[in-house]
Amino acid sequence: MKTLEQEALPTKEACAGSLKNVLDAMYVLNGKWKLAIVLCLVQSPKRFNEIQKEIKGISPKVLSNELKDLEMNFLIKRIVYPSSPVSIIYESTAYSHTLKNVLEELSTWGKNHRDKVIGKSI
C-alpha cells in the first residue's frame, strides 16, 4: 500500500476537486447503515424483515428511511409483487455494484484498524 510520504502532494485545485467528490459520495452514503444495507442486498434480494434480522441494531424506522434514500439514489430497487398480502422485495442495482472497490477497501481498512487497536491495547 502506498503512503502519502511516497507520493507528491496534490495541488490545491486537485485537493479541492477531490474534496468535492468525497463530500458528494458521503452525502449519498452517509450514516451508519447505508453501506451495510447495500452489502446485505448485493448478496441476494431480501424482504424488509430479512434485512432487519441480518443487520443487527437497526430500527425499523431507520431501515425504512435508509431504504428510501438508497432507492432515491439508484443503489437499490423496491419490487412490489401484487399478491395477497402484498410482497415487497429489495434488491441491489447494477449501479450499487460500482461500490465493490469501496466496500473492499473499507473492509480491508476496518480489519487493519481493528488489528492495530487490539494490538495496541494489549
Protein backbone atom coordinates (compact mmCIF):
# COMPACT_ATOMS: atom_id res chain seq x y z
CA MET A 1 0.00 0.00 0.00
CA LYS A 2 1.33 3.45 -0.91
CA THR A 3 1.63 6.02 1.81
CA LEU A 4 1.37 9.78 1.49
CA GLU A 5 5.11 10.12 2.11
CA GLN A 6 5.81 8.19 -1.10
CA GLU A 7 3.73 10.47 -3.31
CA ALA A 8 3.90 14.13 -4.21
CA LEU A 9 1.30 16.28 -2.50
CA PRO A 10 -1.69 17.15 -4.70
CA THR A 11 -2.19 20.67 -5.98
CA LYS A 12 -4.70 22.95 -4.29
CA GLU A 13 -7.08 22.51 -7.26
CA ALA A 14 -6.76 18.70 -7.22
CA CYS A 15 -7.34 18.65 -3.49
CA ALA A 16 -10.44 20.86 -3.81
CA GLY A 17 -11.81 18.64 -6.59
CA SER A 18 -11.13 15.51 -4.57
CA LEU A 19 -12.79 17.04 -1.51
CA LYS A 20 -15.89 17.89 -3.58
CA ASN A 21 -16.05 14.29 -4.85
CA VAL A 22 -15.67 12.85 -1.35
CA LEU A 23 -18.35 15.16 0.03
CA ASP A 24 -20.72 14.14 -2.79
CA ALA A 25 -20.09 10.46 -2.05
CA MET A 26 -20.52 10.97 1.69
CA TYR A 27 -23.81 12.80 1.07
CA VAL A 28 -25.18 9.70 -0.68
CA LEU A 29 -23.56 7.07 1.58
CA ASN A 30 -23.69 8.95 4.89
CA GLY A 31 -24.71 7.32 8.10
CA LYS A 32 -24.02 4.13 9.91
CA TRP A 33 -26.24 1.82 7.89
CA LYS A 34 -26.29 2.58 4.16
CA LEU A 35 -23.21 0.64 3.10
CA ALA A 36 -24.22 -2.25 5.34
CA ILE A 37 -27.63 -2.36 3.63
CA VAL A 38 -26.06 -2.27 0.17
CA LEU A 39 -23.66 -5.06 1.15
CA CYS A 40 -26.57 -7.09 2.54
CA LEU A 41 -28.57 -6.71 -0.68
CA VAL A 42 -25.66 -7.31 -3.06
CA GLN A 43 -25.58 -10.86 -1.71
CA SER A 44 -29.25 -11.52 -2.54
CA PRO A 45 -32.63 -9.74 -2.72
CA LYS A 46 -34.41 -9.62 0.63
CA ARG A 47 -37.62 -8.62 2.34
CA PHE A 48 -37.66 -5.84 4.92
CA ASN A 49 -37.66 -8.22 7.91
CA GLU A 50 -34.79 -10.26 6.45
CA ILE A 51 -32.67 -7.12 6.13
CA GLN A 52 -33.50 -6.10 9.69
CA LYS A 53 -32.53 -9.54 11.04
CA GLU A 54 -29.25 -9.54 9.14
CA ILE A 55 -28.24 -6.02 10.21
CA LYS A 56 -28.30 -6.15 13.98
CA GLY A 57 -29.25 -2.98 15.83
CA ILE A 58 -31.05 -1.08 13.07
CA SER A 59 -34.55 0.09 13.99
CA PRO A 60 -37.47 -0.36 11.59
CA LYS A 61 -37.87 3.42 11.20
CA VAL A 62 -34.19 3.96 10.37
CA LEU A 63 -34.15 0.98 8.00
CA SER A 64 -37.22 2.33 6.19
CA ASN A 65 -35.63 5.78 5.80
CA GLU A 66 -32.30 4.35 4.63
CA LEU A 67 -34.03 2.11 2.07
CA LYS A 68 -35.88 5.15 0.69
CA ASP A 69 -32.63 7.13 0.41
CA LEU A 70 -30.82 4.25 -1.29
CA GLU A 71 -33.69 3.80 -3.73
CA MET A 72 -33.73 7.53 -4.49
CA ASN A 73 -30.01 7.32 -5.32
CA PHE A 74 -30.50 4.27 -7.59
CA LEU A 75 -28.45 1.92 -5.38
CA ILE A 76 -31.35 -0.42 -4.64
CA LYS A 77 -34.76 -1.08 -6.11
CA ARG A 78 -38.02 -1.91 -4.42
CA ILE A 79 -40.12 -4.52 -6.18
CA VAL A 80 -43.78 -4.85 -5.21
CA TYR A 81 -45.49 -8.13 -6.01
CA PRO A 82 -49.30 -7.77 -6.13
CA SER A 83 -50.04 -10.87 -4.11
CA SER A 84 -52.28 -11.15 -1.11
CA PRO A 85 -50.80 -9.88 1.13
CA VAL A 86 -48.56 -7.60 -0.95
CA SER A 87 -44.98 -8.81 -1.05
CA ILE A 88 -42.11 -6.29 -1.23
CA ILE A 89 -38.56 -7.29 -2.09
CA TYR A 90 -35.49 -5.04 -2.06
CA GLU A 91 -32.55 -5.78 -4.32
CA SER A 92 -29.31 -4.15 -5.33
CA THR A 93 -29.00 -2.46 -8.71
CA ALA A 94 -26.15 -2.77 -11.18
CA TYR A 95 -25.17 0.76 -10.10
CA SER A 96 -24.67 -0.41 -6.49
CA HIS A 97 -22.08 -2.90 -7.79
CA THR A 98 -19.88 0.09 -8.64
CA LEU A 99 -19.29 0.33 -4.87
CA LYS A 100 -17.46 -3.03 -4.87
CA ASN A 101 -13.98 -1.50 -4.66
CA VAL A 102 -15.09 0.99 -2.00
CA LEU A 103 -16.55 -1.83 0.13
CA GLU A 104 -13.42 -3.98 -0.31
CA GLU A 105 -11.14 -1.09 0.67
CA LEU A 106 -13.31 -0.23 3.69
CA SER A 107 -13.32 -3.87 4.76
CA THR A 108 -9.54 -4.08 4.49
CA TRP A 109 -9.06 -0.78 6.32
CA GLY A 110 -11.53 -1.81 9.04
CA LYS A 111 -9.69 -5.10 9.64
CA ASN A 112 -6.30 -3.37 9.73
CA HIS A 113 -7.63 -0.72 12.11
CA ARG A 114 -9.21 -3.32 14.40
CA ASP A 115 -5.93 -5.28 14.45
CA LYS A 116 -3.99 -2.10 15.23
CA VAL A 117 -6.35 -1.08 18.06
CA ILE A 118 -6.44 -4.58 19.55
CA GLY A 119 -2.66 -4.91 19.25
CA LYS A 120 -2.12 -1.54 20.91
CA SER A 121 -4.44 -2.18 23.80
CA ILE A 122 -2.69 -5.40 24.83
